[in-house]
Amino acid sequence: MGLASYLFSKFQPLVRIQQAKQKKIEDGGGGNTVSMIDAQLGYYLDGYGTRMAVGFAHSSDGADQNTQYSNVVFAGIQLQK
């Protein structure tokens, strides 16, 4: 897993890359490499008490044939007191 993020005055870009190796039970190993890449942009209001974020996530199961892909767009808000 790798993550890069930096907080500017109100904006925070973030990129995260994750990979994992699946283990095939029937032959003791040699599974696919599953990967996921996230990118998001956060915006802070009221100090760190309120945060809004929008982002995109892409994942794949790494199979040689019939690879399954997933793409997600998300938005959220975080409120704290």
C-alpha atoms as a PDB file:
ATOM      1  CA  MET A   1       0.000   0.000   0.000  1.00  0.00           C
ATOM      2  CA  GLY A   2       1.188   3.501  -0.797  1.00  0.00           C
ATOM      3  CA  LEU A   3      -0.499   6.804   0.015  1.00  0.00           C
ATOM      4  CA  ALA A   4       0.393  10.400  -0.886  1.00  0.00           C
ATOM      5  CA  SER A   5      -1.511  13.361   0.490  1.00  0.00           C
ATOM      6  CA  TYR A   6      -0.825  17.019   1.257  1.00  0.00           C
ATOM      7  CA  LEU A   7      -3.018  19.587   3.010  1.00  0.00           C
ATOM      8  CA  PHE A   8      -2.944  22.992   1.356  1.00  0.00           C
ATOM      9  CA  SER A   9      -4.789  25.855   3.094  1.00  0.00           C
ATOM     10  CA  LYS A  10      -8.264  24.336   2.508  1.00  0.00           C
ATOM     11  CA  PHE A  11      -7.755  21.582  -0.097  1.00  0.00           C
ATOM     12  CA  GLN A  12      -6.274  18.111   0.338  1.00  0.00           C
ATOM     13  CA  PRO A  13      -5.510  15.967  -2.734  1.00  0.00           C
ATOM     14  CA  LEU A  14      -4.956  12.281  -1.986  1.00  0.00           C
ATOM     15  CA  VAL A  15      -3.794   9.290  -4.054  1.00  0.00           C
ATOM     16  CA  ARG A  16      -3.715   5.731  -2.648  1.00  0.00           C
ATOM     17  CA  ILE A  17      -2.496   2.574  -4.400  1.00  0.00           C
ATOM     18  CA  GLN A  18      -3.107  -0.883  -2.935  1.00  0.00           C
ATOM     19  CA  GLN A  19      -2.149  -4.346  -4.151  1.00  0.00           C
ATOM     20  CA  ALA A  20      -2.588  -7.827  -2.744  1.00  0.00           C
ATOM     21  CA  LYS A  21      -1.742 -11.293  -4.027  1.00  0.00           C
ATOM     22  CA  GLN A  22      -4.572 -13.839  -3.913  1.00  0.00           C
ATOM     23  CA  LYS A  23      -3.606 -17.333  -2.835  1.00  0.00           C
ATOM     24  CA  LYS A  24      -5.076 -20.228  -4.800  1.00  0.00           C
ATOM     25  CA  ILE A  25      -6.071 -22.897  -2.320  1.00  0.00           C
ATOM     26  CA  GLU A  26      -6.102 -25.807  -4.758  1.00  0.00           C
ATOM     27  CA  ASP A  27      -2.447 -25.484  -5.816  1.00  0.00           C
ATOM     28  CA  GLY A  28      -0.906 -23.721  -2.797  1.00  0.00           C
ATOM     29  CA  GLY A  29      -0.200 -20.317  -4.378  1.00  0.00           C
ATOM     30  CA  GLY A  30       0.258 -18.408  -7.611  1.00  0.00           C
ATOM     31  CA  GLY A  31      -2.946 -16.370  -7.412  1.00  0.00           C
ATOM     32  CA  ASN A  32      -3.875 -13.126  -9.136  1.00  0.00           C
ATOM     33  CA  THR A  33      -2.668  -9.695  -8.071  1.00  0.00           C
ATOM     34  CA  VAL A  34      -5.648  -7.580  -7.021  1.00  0.00           C
ATOM     35  CA  SER A  35      -5.141  -3.808  -7.260  1.00  0.00           C
ATOM     36  CA  MET A  36      -7.052  -0.664  -6.302  1.00  0.00           C
ATOM     37  CA  ILE A  37      -6.274   2.986  -7.030  1.00  0.00           C
ATOM     38  CA  ASP A  38      -8.091   5.843  -5.255  1.00  0.00           C
ATOM     39  CA  ALA A  39      -7.899   9.556  -6.007  1.00  0.00           C
ATOM     40  CA  GLN A  40      -9.816  12.158  -4.059  1.00  0.00           C
ATOM     41  CA  LEU A  41      -9.971  15.852  -3.286  1.00  0.00           C
ATOM     42  CA  GLY A  42     -11.008  17.050   0.155  1.00  0.00           C
ATOM     43  CA  TYR A  43     -12.125  20.545   1.133  1.00  0.00           C
ATOM     44  CA  TYR A  44     -12.002  21.682   4.766  1.00  0.00           C
ATOM     45  CA  LEU A  45     -14.457  24.161   6.323  1.00  0.00           C
ATOM     46  CA  ASP A  46     -14.526  25.458   9.891  1.00  0.00           C
ATOM     47  CA  GLY A  47     -10.968  24.394  10.690  1.00  0.00           C
ATOM     48  CA  TYR A  48     -10.938  20.590  10.740  1.00  0.00           C
ATOM     49  CA  GLY A  49     -14.544  20.291  11.993  1.00  0.00           C
ATOM     50  CA  THR A  50     -16.181  19.906   8.570  1.00  0.00           C
ATOM     51  CA  ARG A  51     -14.745  18.128   5.543  1.00  0.00           C
ATOM     52  CA  MET A  52     -16.221  17.439   2.113  1.00  0.00           C
ATOM     53  CA  ALA A  53     -14.635  15.031  -0.356  1.00  0.00           C
ATOM     54  CA  VAL A  54     -15.149  13.802  -3.904  1.00  0.00           C
ATOM     55  CA  GLY A  55     -13.193  10.997  -5.456  1.00  0.00           C
ATOM     56  CA  PHE A  56     -12.753   8.146  -7.883  1.00  0.00           C
ATOM     57  CA  ALA A  57     -11.730   4.524  -7.239  1.00  0.00           C
ATOM     58  CA  HIS A  58     -10.640   1.904  -9.780  1.00  0.00           C
ATOM     59  CA  SER A  59     -10.033  -1.760  -8.970  1.00  0.00           C
ATOM     60  CA  SER A  60      -9.211  -4.932 -10.891  1.00  0.00           C
ATOM     61  CA  ASP A  61      -8.904  -8.581  -9.915  1.00  0.00           C
ATOM     62  CA  GLY A  62      -5.801  -9.123 -12.066  1.00  0.00           C
ATOM     63  CA  ALA A  63      -7.019 -12.318 -13.725  1.00  0.00           C
ATOM     64  CA  ASP A  64      -5.251 -13.115 -16.985  1.00  0.00           C
ATOM     65  CA  GLN A  65      -8.507 -13.782 -18.802  1.00  0.00           C
ATOM     66  CA  ASN A  66     -11.927 -12.382 -17.924  1.00  0.00           C
ATOM     67  CA  THR A  67     -10.443  -9.632 -15.736  1.00  0.00           C
ATOM     68  CA  GLN A  68     -13.116  -7.922 -13.652  1.00  0.00           C
ATOM     69  CA  TYR A  69     -12.895  -4.122 -13.308  1.00  0.00           C
ATOM     70  CA  SER A  70     -14.762  -1.760 -11.027  1.00  0.00           C
ATOM     71  CA  ASN A  71     -14.993   2.042 -11.209  1.00  0.00           C
ATOM     72  CA  VAL A  72     -16.648   4.147  -8.509  1.00  0.00           C
ATOM     73  CA  VAL A  73     -17.265   7.883  -8.146  1.00  0.00           C
ATOM     74  CA  PHE A  74     -18.069   9.007  -4.609  1.00  0.00           C
ATOM     75  CA  ALA A  75     -18.835  12.117  -2.574  1.00  0.00           C
ATOM     76  CA  GLY A  76     -19.110  12.578   1.155  1.00  0.00           C
ATOM     77  CA  ILE A  77     -19.179  14.961   4.077  1.00  0.00           C
ATOM     78  CA  GLN A  78     -17.710  14.544   7.557  1.00  0.00           C
ATOM     79  CA  LEU A  79     -18.962  16.596  10.532  1.00  0.00           C
ATOM     80  CA  GLN A  80     -17.239  16.705  13.935  1.00  0.00           C
ATOM     81  CA  LYS A  81     -17.785  18.576  17.176  1.00  0.00           C
END
